[in-house]
Amino acid sequence: YEYQRTTPDELLRNIDDLQRVRDVYWDLPPRN
């Protein structure tokens, strides 16, 4: 159902959000 509701623009926004999260946390050391 979520796949059917997701538009191409929403998919691009989700990818952009994931990219920003990765850029922020990429260099942080993992917690135990």
PDB file of all heavy atoms in Angstrom:
ATOM      1  N   TYR A   1       0.834  -1.207   0.000  1.00  0.00           N
ATOM      2  CA  TYR A   1       0.000   0.000   0.000  1.00  0.00           C
ATOM      3  C   TYR A   1       0.863   1.249   0.000  1.00  0.00           C
ATOM      4  O   TYR A   1       0.594   2.219  -0.715  1.00  0.00           O
ATOM      5  CB  TYR A   1      -0.910  -0.026   1.222  1.00  0.00           C
ATOM      6  CG  TYR A   1      -1.784   1.199   1.375  1.00  0.00           C
ATOM      7  CD1 TYR A   1      -2.857   1.419   0.515  1.00  0.00           C
ATOM      8  CD2 TYR A   1      -1.534   2.129   2.378  1.00  0.00           C
ATOM      9  CE1 TYR A   1      -3.673   2.534   0.653  1.00  0.00           C
ATOM     10  CE2 TYR A   1      -2.342   3.250   2.522  1.00  0.00           C
ATOM     11  CZ  TYR A   1      -3.407   3.448   1.661  1.00  0.00           C
ATOM     12  OH  TYR A   1      -4.194   4.561   1.797  1.00  0.00           O
ATOM     13  N   GLU A   2       1.942   1.208   0.794  1.00  0.00           N
ATOM     14  CA  GLU A   2       2.841   2.368   0.836  1.00  0.00           C
ATOM     15  C   GLU A   2       3.538   2.565  -0.503  1.00  0.00           C
ATOM     16  O   GLU A   2       3.742   3.692  -0.948  1.00  0.00           O
ATOM     17  CB  GLU A   2       3.855   2.185   1.960  1.00  0.00           C
ATOM     18  CG  GLU A   2       3.226   2.267   3.360  1.00  0.00           C
ATOM     19  CD  GLU A   2       4.205   1.912   4.457  1.00  0.00           C
ATOM     20  OE1 GLU A   2       5.346   1.507   4.133  1.00  0.00           O
ATOM     21  OE2 GLU A   2       3.831   2.032   5.631  1.00  0.00           O
ATOM     22  N   TYR A   3       3.921   1.472  -1.167  1.00  0.00           N
ATOM     23  CA  TYR A   3       4.544   1.589  -2.489  1.00  0.00           C
ATOM     24  C   TYR A   3       3.588   2.264  -3.472  1.00  0.00           C
ATOM     25  O   TYR A   3       3.983   3.121  -4.267  1.00  0.00           O
ATOM     26  CB  TYR A   3       4.914   0.204  -3.037  1.00  0.00           C
ATOM     27  CG  TYR A   3       6.021  -0.495  -2.298  1.00  0.00           C
ATOM     28  CD1 TYR A   3       6.175  -1.882  -2.408  1.00  0.00           C
ATOM     29  CD2 TYR A   3       6.915   0.197  -1.487  1.00  0.00           C
ATOM     30  CE1 TYR A   3       7.178  -2.540  -1.730  1.00  0.00           C
ATOM     31  CE2 TYR A   3       7.914  -0.462  -0.812  1.00  0.00           C
ATOM     32  CZ  TYR A   3       8.043  -1.830  -0.929  1.00  0.00           C
ATOM     33  OH  TYR A   3       9.039  -2.483  -0.259  1.00  0.00           O
ATOM     34  N   GLN A   4       2.323   1.853  -3.429  1.00  0.00           N
ATOM     35  CA  GLN A   4       1.342   2.389  -4.364  1.00  0.00           C
ATOM     36  C   GLN A   4       1.092   3.871  -4.130  1.00  0.00           C
ATOM     37  O   GLN A   4       0.821   4.623  -5.065  1.00  0.00           O
ATOM     38  CB  GLN A   4       0.027   1.613  -4.243  1.00  0.00           C
ATOM     39  CG  GLN A   4       0.125   0.173  -4.742  1.00  0.00           C
ATOM     40  CD  GLN A   4      -1.095  -0.641  -4.386  1.00  0.00           C
ATOM     41  OE1 GLN A   4      -2.017  -0.151  -3.729  1.00  0.00           O
ATOM     42  NE2 GLN A   4      -1.115  -1.892  -4.812  1.00  0.00           N
ATOM     43  N   ARG A   5       1.193   4.308  -2.881  1.00  0.00           N
ATOM     44  CA  ARG A   5       0.914   5.705  -2.540  1.00  0.00           C
ATOM     45  C   ARG A   5       2.101   6.623  -2.778  1.00  0.00           C
ATOM     46  O   ARG A   5       1.959   7.835  -2.829  1.00  0.00           O
ATOM     47  CB  ARG A   5       0.499   5.814  -1.071  1.00  0.00           C
ATOM     48  CG  ARG A   5      -0.827   5.173  -0.734  1.00  0.00           C
ATOM     49  CD  ARG A   5      -1.166   5.413   0.721  1.00  0.00           C
ATOM     50  NE  ARG A   5      -1.271   6.836   1.003  1.00  0.00           N
ATOM     51  CZ  ARG A   5      -0.899   7.414   2.153  1.00  0.00           C
ATOM     52  NH1 ARG A   5      -0.368   6.686   3.102  1.00  0.00           N
ATOM     53  NH2 ARG A   5      -1.054   8.705   2.342  1.00  0.00           N
ATOM     54  N   THR A   6       3.300   6.048  -2.894  1.00  0.00           N
ATOM     55  CA  THR A   6       4.508   6.856  -3.017  1.00  0.00           C
ATOM     56  C   THR A   6       4.679   7.329  -4.461  1.00  0.00           C
ATOM     57  O   THR A   6       4.752   6.523  -5.394  1.00  0.00           O
ATOM     58  CB  THR A   6       5.752   6.050  -2.593  1.00  0.00           C
ATOM     59  OG1 THR A   6       5.556   5.605  -1.252  1.00  0.00           O
ATOM     60  CG2 THR A   6       6.988   6.913  -2.652  1.00  0.00           C
ATOM     61  N   THR A   7       4.750   8.630  -4.652  1.00  0.00           N
ATOM     62  CA  THR A   7       4.968   9.202  -5.983  1.00  0.00           C
ATOM     63  C   THR A   7       6.463   9.275  -6.262  1.00  0.00           C
ATOM     64  O   THR A   7       7.292   9.213  -5.338  1.00  0.00           O
ATOM     65  CB  THR A   7       4.372  10.611  -6.062  1.00  0.00           C
ATOM     66  OG1 THR A   7       5.114  11.474  -5.181  1.00  0.00           O
ATOM     67  CG2 THR A   7       2.907  10.599  -5.653  1.00  0.00           C
ATOM     68  N   PRO A   8       6.861   9.432  -7.533  1.00  0.00           N
ATOM     69  CA  PRO A   8       8.293   9.573  -7.841  1.00  0.00           C
ATOM     70  C   PRO A   8       8.933  10.737  -7.099  1.00  0.00           C
ATOM     71  O   PRO A   8      10.087  10.631  -6.654  1.00  0.00           O
ATOM     72  CB  PRO A   8       8.286   9.811  -9.367  1.00  0.00           C
ATOM     73  CG  PRO A   8       7.054   9.117  -9.841  1.00  0.00           C
ATOM     74  CD  PRO A   8       6.038   9.313  -8.746  1.00  0.00           C
ATOM     75  N   ASP A   9       8.218  11.862  -6.939  1.00  0.00           N
ATOM     76  CA  ASP A   9       8.781  13.000  -6.204  1.00  0.00           C
ATOM     77  C   ASP A   9       9.037  12.641  -4.747  1.00  0.00           C
ATOM     78  O   ASP A   9      10.055  13.031  -4.162  1.00  0.00           O
ATOM     79  CB  ASP A   9       7.839  14.203  -6.278  1.00  0.00           C
ATOM     80  CG  ASP A   9       7.838  14.842  -7.666  1.00  0.00           C
ATOM     81  OD1 ASP A   9       8.783  14.566  -8.433  1.00  0.00           O
ATOM     82  OD2 ASP A   9       6.898  15.594  -7.959  1.00  0.00           O
ATOM     83  N   GLU A  10       8.106  11.868  -4.153  1.00  0.00           N
ATOM     84  CA  GLU A  10       8.295  11.454  -2.758  1.00  0.00           C
ATOM     85  C   GLU A  10       9.480  10.516  -2.624  1.00  0.00           C
ATOM     86  O   GLU A  10      10.238  10.576  -1.649  1.00  0.00           O
ATOM     87  CB  GLU A  10       7.022  10.784  -2.246  1.00  0.00           C
ATOM     88  CG  GLU A  10       5.868  11.747  -2.018  1.00  0.00           C
ATOM     89  CD  GLU A  10       4.584  11.021  -1.669  1.00  0.00           C
ATOM     90  OE1 GLU A  10       4.409   9.871  -2.108  1.00  0.00           O
ATOM     91  OE2 GLU A  10       3.761  11.606  -0.962  1.00  0.00           O
ATOM     92  N   LEU A  11       9.659   9.637  -3.616  1.00  0.00           N
ATOM     93  CA  LEU A  11      10.815   8.749  -3.575  1.00  0.00           C
ATOM     94  C   LEU A  11      12.112   9.542  -3.612  1.00  0.00           C
ATOM     95  O   LEU A  11      13.064   9.251  -2.877  1.00  0.00           O
ATOM     96  CB  LEU A  11      10.764   7.774  -4.761  1.00  0.00           C
ATOM     97  CG  LEU A  11       9.748   6.641  -4.669  1.00  0.00           C
ATOM     98  CD1 LEU A  11       9.704   5.890  -5.991  1.00  0.00           C
ATOM     99  CD2 LEU A  11      10.099   5.698  -3.529  1.00  0.00           C
ATOM    100  N   LEU A  12      12.168  10.573  -4.455  1.00  0.00           N
ATOM    101  CA  LEU A  12      13.369  11.401  -4.546  1.00  0.00           C
ATOM    102  C   LEU A  12      13.613  12.135  -3.230  1.00  0.00           C
ATOM    103  O   LEU A  12      14.753  12.259  -2.774  1.00  0.00           O
ATOM    104  CB  LEU A  12      13.237  12.387  -5.697  1.00  0.00           C
ATOM    105  CG  LEU A  12      13.303  11.779  -7.101  1.00  0.00           C
ATOM    106  CD1 LEU A  12      13.018  12.848  -8.152  1.00  0.00           C
ATOM    107  CD2 LEU A  12      14.675  11.151  -7.354  1.00  0.00           C
ATOM    108  N   ARG A  13      12.526  12.640  -2.597  1.00  0.00           N
ATOM    109  CA  ARG A  13      12.690  13.320  -1.321  1.00  0.00           C
ATOM    110  C   ARG A  13      13.196  12.362  -0.258  1.00  0.00           C
ATOM    111  O   ARG A  13      14.043  12.717   0.564  1.00  0.00           O
ATOM    112  CB  ARG A  13      11.351  13.928  -0.878  1.00  0.00           C
ATOM    113  CG  ARG A  13      10.975  15.209  -1.635  1.00  0.00           C
ATOM    114  CD  ARG A  13       9.906  15.980  -0.888  1.00  0.00           C
ATOM    115  NE  ARG A  13       8.662  15.234  -0.785  1.00  0.00           N
ATOM    116  CZ  ARG A  13       7.702  15.272  -1.715  1.00  0.00           C
ATOM    117  NH1 ARG A  13       7.849  15.997  -2.807  1.00  0.00           N
ATOM    118  NH2 ARG A  13       6.588  14.579  -1.547  1.00  0.00           N
ATOM    119  N   ASN A  14      12.696  11.103  -0.269  1.00  0.00           N
ATOM    120  CA  ASN A  14      13.169  10.113   0.697  1.00  0.00           C
ATOM    121  C   ASN A  14      14.651   9.831   0.509  1.00  0.00           C
ATOM    122  O   ASN A  14      15.416   9.696   1.472  1.00  0.00           O
ATOM    123  CB  ASN A  14      12.371   8.814   0.565  1.00  0.00           C
ATOM    124  CG  ASN A  14      10.938   8.967   1.034  1.00  0.00           C
ATOM    125  OD1 ASN A  14      10.621   9.883   1.800  1.00  0.00           O
ATOM    126  ND2 ASN A  14      10.069   8.079   0.575  1.00  0.00           N
ATOM    127  N   ILE A  15      15.074   9.737  -0.748  1.00  0.00           N
ATOM    128  CA  ILE A  15      16.491   9.498  -1.033  1.00  0.00           C
ATOM    129  C   ILE A  15      17.336  10.670  -0.547  1.00  0.00           C
ATOM    130  O   ILE A  15      18.404  10.491   0.052  1.00  0.00           O
ATOM    131  CB  ILE A  15      16.693   9.256  -2.538  1.00  0.00           C
ATOM    132  CG1 ILE A  15      16.034   7.931  -2.941  1.00  0.00           C
ATOM    133  CG2 ILE A  15      18.178   9.247  -2.894  1.00  0.00           C
ATOM    134  CD1 ILE A  15      15.983   7.711  -4.442  1.00  0.00           C
ATOM    135  N   ASP A  16      16.842  11.906  -0.781  1.00  0.00           N
ATOM    136  CA  ASP A  16      17.570  13.094  -0.321  1.00  0.00           C
ATOM    137  C   ASP A  16      17.673  13.106   1.195  1.00  0.00           C
ATOM    138  O   ASP A  16      18.718  13.446   1.773  1.00  0.00           O
ATOM    139  CB  ASP A  16      16.864  14.366  -0.799  1.00  0.00           C
ATOM    140  CG  ASP A  16      17.017  14.574  -2.308  1.00  0.00           C
ATOM    141  OD1 ASP A  16      17.936  13.962  -2.886  1.00  0.00           O
ATOM    142  OD2 ASP A  16      16.216  15.334  -2.875  1.00  0.00           O
ATOM    143  N   ASP A  17      16.578  12.728   1.895  1.00  0.00           N
ATOM    144  CA  ASP A  17      16.603  12.696   3.355  1.00  0.00           C
ATOM    145  C   ASP A  17      17.626  11.690   3.863  1.00  0.00           C
ATOM    146  O   ASP A  17      18.383  11.962   4.796  1.00  0.00           O
ATOM    147  CB  ASP A  17      15.212  12.345   3.897  1.00  0.00           C
ATOM    148  CG  ASP A  17      14.203  13.475   3.697  1.00  0.00           C
ATOM    149  OD1 ASP A  17      14.649  14.626   3.479  1.00  0.00           O
ATOM    150  OD2 ASP A  17      12.988  13.198   3.763  1.00  0.00           O
ATOM    151  N   LEU A  18      17.650  10.504   3.234  1.00  0.00           N
ATOM    152  CA  LEU A  18      18.617   9.488   3.648  1.00  0.00           C
ATOM    153  C   LEU A  18      20.043   9.961   3.411  1.00  0.00           C
ATOM    154  O   LEU A  18      20.951   9.699   4.208  1.00  0.00           O
ATOM    155  CB  LEU A  18      18.357   8.185   2.885  1.00  0.00           C
ATOM    156  CG  LEU A  18      17.081   7.425   3.267  1.00  0.00           C
ATOM    157  CD1 LEU A  18      16.855   6.260   2.301  1.00  0.00           C
ATOM    158  CD2 LEU A  18      17.169   6.910   4.694  1.00  0.00           C
ATOM    159  N   GLN A  19      20.255  10.669   2.300  1.00  0.00           N
ATOM    160  CA  GLN A  19      21.587  11.189   1.997  1.00  0.00           C
ATOM    161  C   GLN A  19      22.028  12.186   3.056  1.00  0.00           C
ATOM    162  O   GLN A  19      23.180  12.179   3.506  1.00  0.00           O
ATOM    163  CB  GLN A  19      21.593  11.846   0.617  1.00  0.00           C
ATOM    164  CG  GLN A  19      22.961  12.383   0.196  1.00  0.00           C
ATOM    165  CD  GLN A  19      23.959  11.267  -0.033  1.00  0.00           C
ATOM    166  OE1 GLN A  19      23.615  10.256  -0.630  1.00  0.00           O
ATOM    167  NE2 GLN A  19      25.175  11.425   0.451  1.00  0.00           N
ATOM    168  N   ARG A  20      21.118  13.074   3.489  1.00  0.00           N
ATOM    169  CA  ARG A  20      21.468  14.053   4.514  1.00  0.00           C
ATOM    170  C   ARG A  20      21.787  13.386   5.840  1.00  0.00           C
ATOM    171  O   ARG A  20      22.730  13.763   6.536  1.00  0.00           O
ATOM    172  CB  ARG A  20      20.320  15.053   4.676  1.00  0.00           C
ATOM    173  CG  ARG A  20      20.230  16.093   3.570  1.00  0.00           C
ATOM    174  CD  ARG A  20      19.305  17.231   3.954  1.00  0.00           C
ATOM    175  NE  ARG A  20      17.928  16.788   4.025  1.00  0.00           N
ATOM    176  CZ  ARG A  20      17.098  16.803   2.975  1.00  0.00           C
ATOM    177  NH1 ARG A  20      17.531  17.207   1.793  1.00  0.00           N
ATOM    178  NH2 ARG A  20      15.846  16.405   3.093  1.00  0.00           N
ATOM    179  N   VAL A  21      20.996  12.359   6.198  1.00  0.00           N
ATOM    180  CA  VAL A  21      21.273  11.633   7.446  1.00  0.00           C
ATOM    181  C   VAL A  21      22.633  10.966   7.379  1.00  0.00           C
ATOM    182  O   VAL A  21      23.422  11.010   8.325  1.00  0.00           O
ATOM    183  CB  VAL A  21      20.159  10.593   7.711  1.00  0.00           C
ATOM    184  CG1 VAL A  21      20.554   9.682   8.868  1.00  0.00           C
ATOM    185  CG2 VAL A  21      18.844  11.300   8.027  1.00  0.00           C
ATOM    186  N   ARG A  22      22.921  10.362   6.240  1.00  0.00           N
ATOM    187  CA  ARG A  22      24.216   9.701   6.099  1.00  0.00           C
ATOM    188  C   ARG A  22      25.363  10.700   6.200  1.00  0.00           C
ATOM    189  O   ARG A  22      26.373  10.453   6.841  1.00  0.00           O
ATOM    190  CB  ARG A  22      24.291   8.966   4.748  1.00  0.00           C
ATOM    191  CG  ARG A  22      25.458   7.985   4.669  1.00  0.00           C
ATOM    192  CD  ARG A  22      25.751   7.585   3.248  1.00  0.00           C
ATOM    193  NE  ARG A  22      26.343   8.701   2.523  1.00  0.00           N
ATOM    194  CZ  ARG A  22      26.878   8.585   1.308  1.00  0.00           C
ATOM    195  NH1 ARG A  22      26.867   7.430   0.688  1.00  0.00           N
ATOM    196  NH2 ARG A  22      27.412   9.631   0.711  1.00  0.00           N
ATOM    197  N   ASP A  23      25.194  11.872   5.559  1.00  0.00           N
ATOM    198  CA  ASP A  23      26.245  12.889   5.594  1.00  0.00           C
ATOM    199  C   ASP A  23      26.505  13.378   7.017  1.00  0.00           C
ATOM    200  O   ASP A  23      27.637  13.661   7.399  1.00  0.00           O
ATOM    201  CB  ASP A  23      25.855  14.081   4.707  1.00  0.00           C
ATOM    202  CG  ASP A  23      25.872  13.725   3.229  1.00  0.00           C
ATOM    203  OD1 ASP A  23      26.479  12.684   2.885  1.00  0.00           O
ATOM    204  OD2 ASP A  23      25.270  14.467   2.439  1.00  0.00           O
ATOM    205  N   VAL A  24      25.448  13.461   7.835  1.00  0.00           N
ATOM    206  CA  VAL A  24      25.596  13.956   9.209  1.00  0.00           C
ATOM    207  C   VAL A  24      26.279  12.919  10.093  1.00  0.00           C
ATOM    208  O   VAL A  24      27.155  13.238  10.897  1.00  0.00           O
ATOM    209  CB  VAL A  24      24.221  14.332   9.789  1.00  0.00           C
ATOM    210  CG1 VAL A  24      24.333  14.621  11.287  1.00  0.00           C
ATOM    211  CG2 VAL A  24      23.665  15.554   9.063  1.00  0.00           C
ATOM    212  N   TYR A  25      25.868  11.641   9.948  1.00  0.00           N
ATOM    213  CA  TYR A  25      26.313  10.625  10.898  1.00  0.00           C
ATOM    214  C   TYR A  25      27.429   9.722  10.375  1.00  0.00           C
ATOM    215  O   TYR A  25      27.927   8.873  11.108  1.00  0.00           O
ATOM    216  CB  TYR A  25      25.123   9.737  11.293  1.00  0.00           C
ATOM    217  CG  TYR A  25      24.110  10.478  12.130  1.00  0.00           C
ATOM    218  CD1 TYR A  25      22.901  10.905  11.574  1.00  0.00           C
ATOM    219  CD2 TYR A  25      24.361  10.763  13.464  1.00  0.00           C
ATOM    220  CE1 TYR A  25      21.974  11.595  12.326  1.00  0.00           C
ATOM    221  CE2 TYR A  25      23.437  11.444  14.227  1.00  0.00           C
ATOM    222  CZ  TYR A  25      22.246  11.857  13.663  1.00  0.00           C
ATOM    223  OH  TYR A  25      21.332  12.528  14.408  1.00  0.00           O
ATOM    224  N   TRP A  26      27.811   9.905   9.127  1.00  0.00           N
ATOM    225  CA  TRP A  26      28.783   8.981   8.525  1.00  0.00           C
ATOM    226  C   TRP A  26      30.076   8.886   9.328  1.00  0.00           C
ATOM    227  O   TRP A  26      30.631   7.816   9.505  1.00  0.00           O
ATOM    228  CB  TRP A  26      29.068   9.442   7.105  1.00  0.00           C
ATOM    229  CG  TRP A  26      29.928   8.491   6.320  1.00  0.00           C
ATOM    230  CD1 TRP A  26      31.257   8.546   6.129  1.00  0.00           C
ATOM    231  CD2 TRP A  26      29.481   7.318   5.634  1.00  0.00           C
ATOM    232  NE1 TRP A  26      31.683   7.510   5.356  1.00  0.00           N
ATOM    233  CE2 TRP A  26      30.608   6.727   5.041  1.00  0.00           C
ATOM    234  CE3 TRP A  26      28.236   6.715   5.449  1.00  0.00           C
ATOM    235  CZ2 TRP A  26      30.522   5.564   4.292  1.00  0.00           C
ATOM    236  CZ3 TRP A  26      28.169   5.560   4.703  1.00  0.00           C
ATOM    237  CH2 TRP A  26      29.296   5.005   4.143  1.00  0.00           C
ATOM    238  N   ASP A  27      30.574  10.003   9.819  1.00  0.00           N
ATOM    239  CA  ASP A  27      31.869  10.012  10.475  1.00  0.00           C
ATOM    240  C   ASP A  27      31.799   9.808  11.980  1.00  0.00           C
ATOM    241  O   ASP A  27      32.831   9.827  12.657  1.00  0.00           O
ATOM    242  CB  ASP A  27      32.585  11.351  10.204  1.00  0.00           C
ATOM    243  CG  ASP A  27      32.926  11.513   8.726  1.00  0.00           C
ATOM    244  OD1 ASP A  27      33.214  10.472   8.094  1.00  0.00           O
ATOM    245  OD2 ASP A  27      32.885  12.644   8.225  1.00  0.00           O
ATOM    246  N   LEU A  28      30.590   9.657  12.546  1.00  0.00           N
ATOM    247  CA  LEU A  28      30.489   9.444  13.985  1.00  0.00           C
ATOM    248  C   LEU A  28      30.827   8.004  14.326  1.00  0.00           C
ATOM    249  O   LEU A  28      30.424   7.080  13.632  1.00  0.00           O
ATOM    250  CB  LEU A  28      29.066   9.751  14.461  1.00  0.00           C
ATOM    251  CG  LEU A  28      28.618  11.218  14.360  1.00  0.00           C
ATOM    252  CD1 LEU A  28      27.189  11.346  14.860  1.00  0.00           C
ATOM    253  CD2 LEU A  28      29.538  12.123  15.163  1.00  0.00           C
ATOM    254  N   PRO A  29      31.596   7.773  15.415  1.00  0.00           N
ATOM    255  CA  PRO A  29      31.908   6.397  15.804  1.00  0.00           C
ATOM    256  C   PRO A  29      30.654   5.695  16.302  1.00  0.00           C
ATOM    257  O   PRO A  29      29.776   6.318  16.907  1.00  0.00           O
ATOM    258  CB  PRO A  29      32.921   6.576  16.950  1.00  0.00           C
ATOM    259  CG  PRO A  29      32.630   7.930  17.504  1.00  0.00           C
ATOM    260  CD  PRO A  29      32.185   8.767  16.339  1.00  0.00           C
ATOM    261  N   PRO A  30      30.521   4.404  16.053  1.00  0.00           N
ATOM    262  CA  PRO A  30      29.332   3.676  16.516  1.00  0.00           C
ATOM    263  C   PRO A  30      29.313   3.559  18.022  1.00  0.00           C
ATOM    264  O   PRO A  30      30.361   3.446  18.667  1.00  0.00           O
ATOM    265  CB  PRO A  30      29.484   2.300  15.848  1.00  0.00           C
ATOM    266  CG  PRO A  30      30.949   2.147  15.615  1.00  0.00           C
ATOM    267  CD  PRO A  30      31.466   3.536  15.334  1.00  0.00           C
ATOM    268  N   ARG A  31      28.119   3.605  18.617  1.00  0.00           N
ATOM    269  CA  ARG A  31      27.974   3.381  20.037  1.00  0.00           C
ATOM    270  C   ARG A  31      28.017   1.894  20.323  1.00  0.00           C
ATOM    271  O   ARG A  31      27.814   1.066  19.441  1.00  0.00           O
ATOM    272  CB  ARG A  31      26.647   3.971  20.533  1.00  0.00           C
ATOM    273  CG  ARG A  31      26.582   5.490  20.401  1.00  0.00           C
ATOM    274  CD  ARG A  31      25.208   5.981  20.808  1.00  0.00           C
ATOM    275  NE  ARG A  31      24.196   5.453  19.889  1.00  0.00           N
ATOM    276  CZ  ARG A  31      22.892   5.611  20.063  1.00  0.00           C
ATOM    277  NH1 ARG A  31      22.441   6.272  21.110  1.00  0.00           N
ATOM    278  NH2 ARG A  31      22.040   5.118  19.204  1.00  0.00           N
ATOM    279  N   ASN A  32      28.272   1.532  21.589  1.00  0.00           N
ATOM    280  CA  ASN A  32      28.307   0.129  21.958  1.00  0.00           C
ATOM    281  C   ASN A  32      26.976  -0.531  21.629  1.00  0.00           C
ATOM    282  O   ASN A  32      25.923  -0.024  21.981  1.00  0.00           O
ATOM    283  CB  ASN A  32      28.581  -0.013  23.462  1.00  0.00           C
ATOM    284  CG  ASN A  32      30.001   0.399  23.816  1.00  0.00           C
ATOM    285  OD1 ASN A  32      30.878   0.366  22.958  1.00  0.00           O
ATOM    286  ND2 ASN A  32      30.217   0.793  25.052  1.00  0.00           N
TER     287      ASN A  32
END
